[in-house]
């Protein structure tokens, strides 16, 4: 089983670029949190705990973001293509243990 080195390098470069953009937008954000932009037309900024990233429902949103944007997020941070009401409903139903 072999790996294609050029594609691994390309994906790594894209990931590093995304991390760089996210870290620039993290100024003033509490440790252990990340900024995401949500919405279809106008994007609203949310600060969410990093622990949410492991929840299956949140991962589904991340998969949608990957399909739509790849590593090119128009807001310079993680952009999630869903309606604000849907995102807020999901946030209300995530287990409390993920918040701490």
N, C-alpha and C. Protein backbone atom coordinates (compact mmCIF):
# COMPACT_ATOMS: atom_id res chain seq x y z
N UNK A 1 0.85 -1.18 0.00
CA UNK A 1 0.00 0.00 0.00
C UNK A 1 0.89 1.23 0.00
N UNK A 2 0.75 2.07 -0.99
CA UNK A 2 1.60 3.24 -1.10
C UNK A 2 0.83 4.53 -0.95
N UNK A 3 1.55 5.57 -0.64
CA UNK A 3 0.96 6.89 -0.53
C UNK A 3 1.50 7.76 -1.65
N UNK A 4 0.66 8.62 -2.16
CA UNK A 4 1.11 9.56 -3.18
C UNK A 4 1.64 10.79 -2.47
N UNK A 5 2.94 10.97 -2.50
CA UNK A 5 3.59 12.05 -1.78
C UNK A 5 3.12 13.44 -2.22
N UNK A 6 2.99 13.72 -3.53
CA UNK A 6 2.54 15.07 -3.91
C UNK A 6 1.16 15.43 -3.34
N UNK A 7 0.22 14.48 -3.30
CA UNK A 7 -1.10 14.81 -2.76
C UNK A 7 -1.04 15.00 -1.25
N UNK A 8 -0.21 14.23 -0.56
CA UNK A 8 -0.07 14.41 0.88
C UNK A 8 0.53 15.78 1.20
N UNK A 9 1.53 16.18 0.42
CA UNK A 9 2.15 17.49 0.63
C UNK A 9 1.15 18.60 0.34
N UNK A 10 0.39 18.47 -0.73
CA UNK A 10 -0.61 19.47 -1.09
C UNK A 10 -1.65 19.61 0.01
N UNK A 11 -2.17 18.47 0.51
CA UNK A 11 -3.16 18.52 1.59
C UNK A 11 -2.58 19.12 2.85
N UNK A 12 -1.33 18.80 3.16
CA UNK A 12 -0.68 19.35 4.36
C UNK A 12 -0.53 20.86 4.23
N UNK A 13 -0.14 21.34 3.05
CA UNK A 13 0.01 22.78 2.84
C UNK A 13 -1.34 23.49 3.01
N UNK A 14 -2.40 22.89 2.47
CA UNK A 14 -3.73 23.50 2.59
C UNK A 14 -4.17 23.53 4.05
N UNK A 15 -3.89 22.46 4.79
CA UNK A 15 -4.26 22.40 6.19
C UNK A 15 -3.51 23.45 6.99
N UNK A 16 -2.22 23.61 6.73
CA UNK A 16 -1.41 24.61 7.43
C UNK A 16 -1.93 26.02 7.12
N UNK A 17 -2.31 26.25 5.86
CA UNK A 17 -2.85 27.56 5.48
C UNK A 17 -4.14 27.84 6.24
N UNK A 18 -5.03 26.84 6.33
CA UNK A 18 -6.29 27.00 7.06
C UNK A 18 -6.02 27.27 8.53
N UNK A 19 -5.07 26.53 9.13
CA UNK A 19 -4.74 26.75 10.53
C UNK A 19 -4.23 28.17 10.75
N UNK A 20 -3.43 28.65 9.82
CA UNK A 20 -2.89 30.01 9.91
C UNK A 20 -4.01 31.04 9.88
N UNK A 21 -4.95 30.86 8.95
CA UNK A 21 -6.08 31.79 8.86
C UNK A 21 -6.93 31.76 10.12
N UNK A 22 -7.15 30.56 10.65
CA UNK A 22 -7.96 30.43 11.85
C UNK A 22 -7.25 31.09 13.03
N UNK A 23 -5.94 30.87 13.15
CA UNK A 23 -5.22 31.45 14.29
C UNK A 23 -5.23 32.97 14.23
N UNK A 24 -5.21 33.56 13.04
CA UNK A 24 -5.29 35.02 12.92
C UNK A 24 -6.63 35.53 13.43
N UNK A 25 -7.69 34.75 13.23
CA UNK A 25 -9.03 35.15 13.67
C UNK A 25 -9.28 34.80 15.13
N UNK A 26 -8.32 34.17 15.80
CA UNK A 26 -8.51 33.71 17.17
C UNK A 26 -8.13 34.75 18.21
N UNK A 27 -7.64 35.91 17.79
CA UNK A 27 -7.25 36.93 18.75
C UNK A 27 -8.45 37.32 19.61
N UNK A 28 -8.28 37.23 20.92
CA UNK A 28 -9.35 37.58 21.84
C UNK A 28 -10.35 36.46 22.06
N UNK A 29 -10.09 35.30 21.51
CA UNK A 29 -10.98 34.14 21.67
C UNK A 29 -10.48 33.33 22.86
N UNK A 30 -11.37 32.90 23.75
CA UNK A 30 -10.93 32.11 24.91
C UNK A 30 -10.20 30.84 24.48
N UNK A 31 -9.23 30.45 25.28
CA UNK A 31 -8.48 29.23 25.01
C UNK A 31 -9.46 28.05 24.98
N UNK A 32 -9.25 27.15 24.03
CA UNK A 32 -10.12 25.99 23.91
C UNK A 32 -11.37 26.25 23.08
N UNK A 33 -11.41 27.38 22.38
CA UNK A 33 -12.55 27.73 21.54
C UNK A 33 -12.08 28.05 20.12
N UNK A 34 -13.02 28.05 19.21
CA UNK A 34 -12.73 28.37 17.82
C UNK A 34 -13.87 29.24 17.26
N UNK A 35 -13.54 30.08 16.30
CA UNK A 35 -14.54 30.91 15.65
C UNK A 35 -15.03 30.18 14.41
N UNK A 36 -16.35 30.13 14.24
CA UNK A 36 -16.93 29.60 13.00
C UNK A 36 -17.91 30.65 12.47
N UNK A 37 -18.04 30.68 11.17
CA UNK A 37 -18.99 31.57 10.52
C UNK A 37 -20.09 30.71 9.94
N UNK A 38 -21.33 31.08 10.23
CA UNK A 38 -22.48 30.26 9.86
C UNK A 38 -23.48 31.10 9.08
N UNK A 39 -24.06 30.49 8.07
CA UNK A 39 -25.10 31.16 7.30
C UNK A 39 -24.93 30.89 5.82
N UNK A 40 -25.99 31.10 5.10
CA UNK A 40 -25.93 30.89 3.65
C UNK A 40 -25.60 32.19 2.93
N UNK A 41 -26.34 33.25 3.18
CA UNK A 41 -26.08 34.53 2.51
C UNK A 41 -25.15 35.38 3.38
N UNK A 42 -25.66 35.86 4.50
CA UNK A 42 -24.84 36.61 5.44
C UNK A 42 -24.33 35.65 6.49
N UNK A 43 -23.07 35.79 6.82
CA UNK A 43 -22.45 34.89 7.79
C UNK A 43 -22.44 35.54 9.17
N UNK A 44 -22.81 34.75 10.17
CA UNK A 44 -22.77 35.21 11.55
C UNK A 44 -21.62 34.49 12.25
N UNK A 45 -20.93 35.22 13.10
CA UNK A 45 -19.75 34.69 13.80
C UNK A 45 -20.18 34.06 15.12
N UNK A 46 -19.69 32.83 15.36
CA UNK A 46 -19.95 32.12 16.62
C UNK A 46 -18.62 31.67 17.20
N UNK A 47 -18.53 31.67 18.51
CA UNK A 47 -17.37 31.13 19.21
C UNK A 47 -17.84 29.85 19.89
N UNK A 48 -17.23 28.73 19.52
CA UNK A 48 -17.67 27.43 20.05
C UNK A 48 -16.48 26.71 20.66
N UNK A 49 -16.73 25.85 21.66
CA UNK A 49 -15.66 25.07 22.26
C UNK A 49 -15.07 24.08 21.24
N UNK A 50 -13.78 23.87 21.30
CA UNK A 50 -13.13 22.91 20.42
C UNK A 50 -13.70 21.50 20.59
N UNK A 51 -14.19 21.20 21.78
CA UNK A 51 -14.73 19.86 22.04
C UNK A 51 -15.93 19.55 21.14
N UNK A 52 -16.61 20.58 20.63
CA UNK A 52 -17.73 20.35 19.72
C UNK A 52 -17.28 19.67 18.44
N UNK A 53 -16.02 19.87 18.06
CA UNK A 53 -15.53 19.33 16.79
C UNK A 53 -15.57 17.81 16.75
N UNK A 54 -15.64 17.16 17.90
CA UNK A 54 -15.66 15.70 17.93
C UNK A 54 -17.07 15.12 17.93
N UNK A 55 -18.07 15.95 18.11
CA UNK A 55 -19.45 15.47 18.15
C UNK A 55 -19.91 15.10 16.74
N UNK A 56 -20.57 13.94 16.57
CA UNK A 56 -20.99 13.49 15.24
C UNK A 56 -21.85 14.50 14.47
N UNK A 57 -22.76 15.19 15.15
CA UNK A 57 -23.60 16.18 14.46
C UNK A 57 -22.78 17.35 13.95
N UNK A 58 -21.82 17.79 14.74
CA UNK A 58 -20.97 18.89 14.33
C UNK A 58 -20.04 18.44 13.20
N UNK A 59 -19.60 17.19 13.27
CA UNK A 59 -18.74 16.67 12.21
C UNK A 59 -19.49 16.60 10.88
N UNK A 60 -20.78 16.37 10.92
CA UNK A 60 -21.58 16.38 9.69
C UNK A 60 -21.55 17.77 9.07
N UNK A 61 -21.65 18.80 9.91
CA UNK A 61 -21.55 20.17 9.40
C UNK A 61 -20.16 20.43 8.81
N UNK A 62 -19.13 19.91 9.46
CA UNK A 62 -17.77 20.07 8.94
C UNK A 62 -17.60 19.36 7.60
N UNK A 63 -18.24 18.21 7.45
CA UNK A 63 -18.19 17.51 6.16
C UNK A 63 -18.85 18.33 5.06
N UNK A 64 -19.96 18.97 5.39
CA UNK A 64 -20.63 19.85 4.42
C UNK A 64 -19.72 21.01 4.03
N UNK A 65 -19.06 21.58 5.04
CA UNK A 65 -18.14 22.69 4.78
C UNK A 65 -17.00 22.25 3.88
N UNK A 66 -16.48 21.06 4.12
CA UNK A 66 -15.39 20.54 3.30
C UNK A 66 -15.85 20.33 1.85
N UNK A 67 -17.06 19.79 1.69
CA UNK A 67 -17.58 19.57 0.34
C UNK A 67 -17.77 20.89 -0.41
N UNK A 68 -18.25 21.90 0.29
CA UNK A 68 -18.54 23.17 -0.37
C UNK A 68 -17.31 24.05 -0.56
N UNK A 69 -16.46 24.12 0.47
CA UNK A 69 -15.35 25.08 0.43
C UNK A 69 -13.97 24.45 0.32
N UNK A 70 -13.84 23.17 0.65
CA UNK A 70 -12.50 22.60 0.72
C UNK A 70 -11.72 23.33 1.80
N UNK A 71 -10.54 23.82 1.44
CA UNK A 71 -9.75 24.59 2.40
C UNK A 71 -9.81 26.09 2.10
N UNK A 72 -10.66 26.49 1.18
CA UNK A 72 -10.81 27.91 0.82
C UNK A 72 -12.07 28.48 1.46
N UNK A 73 -11.94 28.94 2.68
CA UNK A 73 -13.09 29.49 3.38
C UNK A 73 -13.13 31.00 3.16
N UNK A 74 -14.23 31.50 2.61
CA UNK A 74 -14.31 32.91 2.20
C UNK A 74 -14.17 33.92 3.33
N UNK A 75 -14.48 33.54 4.54
CA UNK A 75 -14.43 34.49 5.65
C UNK A 75 -13.05 34.52 6.32
N UNK A 76 -12.13 33.69 5.86
CA UNK A 76 -10.81 33.62 6.47
C UNK A 76 -10.79 32.73 7.69
N UNK A 77 -11.88 32.13 8.01
CA UNK A 77 -11.99 31.19 9.12
C UNK A 77 -12.91 30.06 8.70
N UNK A 78 -13.20 29.18 9.59
CA UNK A 78 -14.04 28.04 9.29
C UNK A 78 -15.47 28.51 9.00
N UNK A 79 -15.96 28.25 7.79
CA UNK A 79 -17.29 28.67 7.38
C UNK A 79 -18.17 27.43 7.24
N UNK A 80 -19.33 27.45 7.91
CA UNK A 80 -20.24 26.32 7.88
C UNK A 80 -21.48 26.72 7.09
N UNK A 81 -21.74 26.00 5.98
CA UNK A 81 -22.88 26.35 5.12
C UNK A 81 -24.19 25.73 5.62
N UNK A 82 -24.82 26.39 6.57
CA UNK A 82 -26.16 25.97 7.00
C UNK A 82 -26.85 27.21 7.55
N UNK A 83 -28.13 27.10 7.77
CA UNK A 83 -28.88 28.24 8.29
C UNK A 83 -28.55 28.45 9.77
N UNK A 84 -28.58 29.70 10.17
CA UNK A 84 -28.26 30.04 11.55
C UNK A 84 -29.16 29.32 12.55
N UNK A 85 -30.46 29.24 12.24
CA UNK A 85 -31.39 28.58 13.16
C UNK A 85 -31.03 27.11 13.34
N UNK A 86 -30.62 26.45 12.28
CA UNK A 86 -30.23 25.04 12.35
C UNK A 86 -29.00 24.90 13.24
N UNK A 87 -28.01 25.78 13.04
CA UNK A 87 -26.79 25.74 13.83
C UNK A 87 -27.09 25.99 15.31
N UNK A 88 -27.89 27.00 15.59
CA UNK A 88 -28.23 27.31 16.98
C UNK A 88 -28.99 26.17 17.64
N UNK A 89 -29.87 25.53 16.91
CA UNK A 89 -30.60 24.38 17.44
C UNK A 89 -29.64 23.24 17.78
N UNK A 90 -28.69 23.00 16.90
CA UNK A 90 -27.69 21.96 17.16
C UNK A 90 -26.89 22.30 18.41
N UNK A 91 -26.48 23.56 18.55
CA UNK A 91 -25.68 23.96 19.71
C UNK A 91 -26.45 23.75 21.02
N UNK A 92 -27.76 23.99 20.98
CA UNK A 92 -28.59 23.81 22.18
C UNK A 92 -28.71 22.34 22.57
N UNK A 93 -28.59 21.44 21.58
CA UNK A 93 -28.79 20.02 21.86
C UNK A 93 -27.50 19.22 22.05
N UNK A 94 -26.36 19.88 21.95
CA UNK A 94 -25.11 19.17 22.22
C UNK A 94 -25.01 18.89 23.71
N UNK A 95 -24.45 17.76 24.07
CA UNK A 95 -24.34 17.42 25.50
C UNK A 95 -23.57 18.48 26.28
N UNK A 96 -24.02 18.74 27.49
CA UNK A 96 -23.37 19.73 28.36
C UNK A 96 -21.91 19.38 28.58
N UNK A 97 -21.59 18.10 28.64
CA UNK A 97 -20.20 17.69 28.90
C UNK A 97 -19.25 18.19 27.83
N UNK A 98 -19.76 18.48 26.63
CA UNK A 98 -18.89 19.00 25.58
C UNK A 98 -18.54 20.46 25.80
N UNK A 99 -19.32 21.16 26.60
CA UNK A 99 -19.10 22.58 26.81
C UNK A 99 -17.90 22.78 27.75
N UNK A 100 -17.75 21.96 28.73
CA UNK A 100 -16.68 22.12 29.73
C UNK A 100 -15.37 21.57 29.26
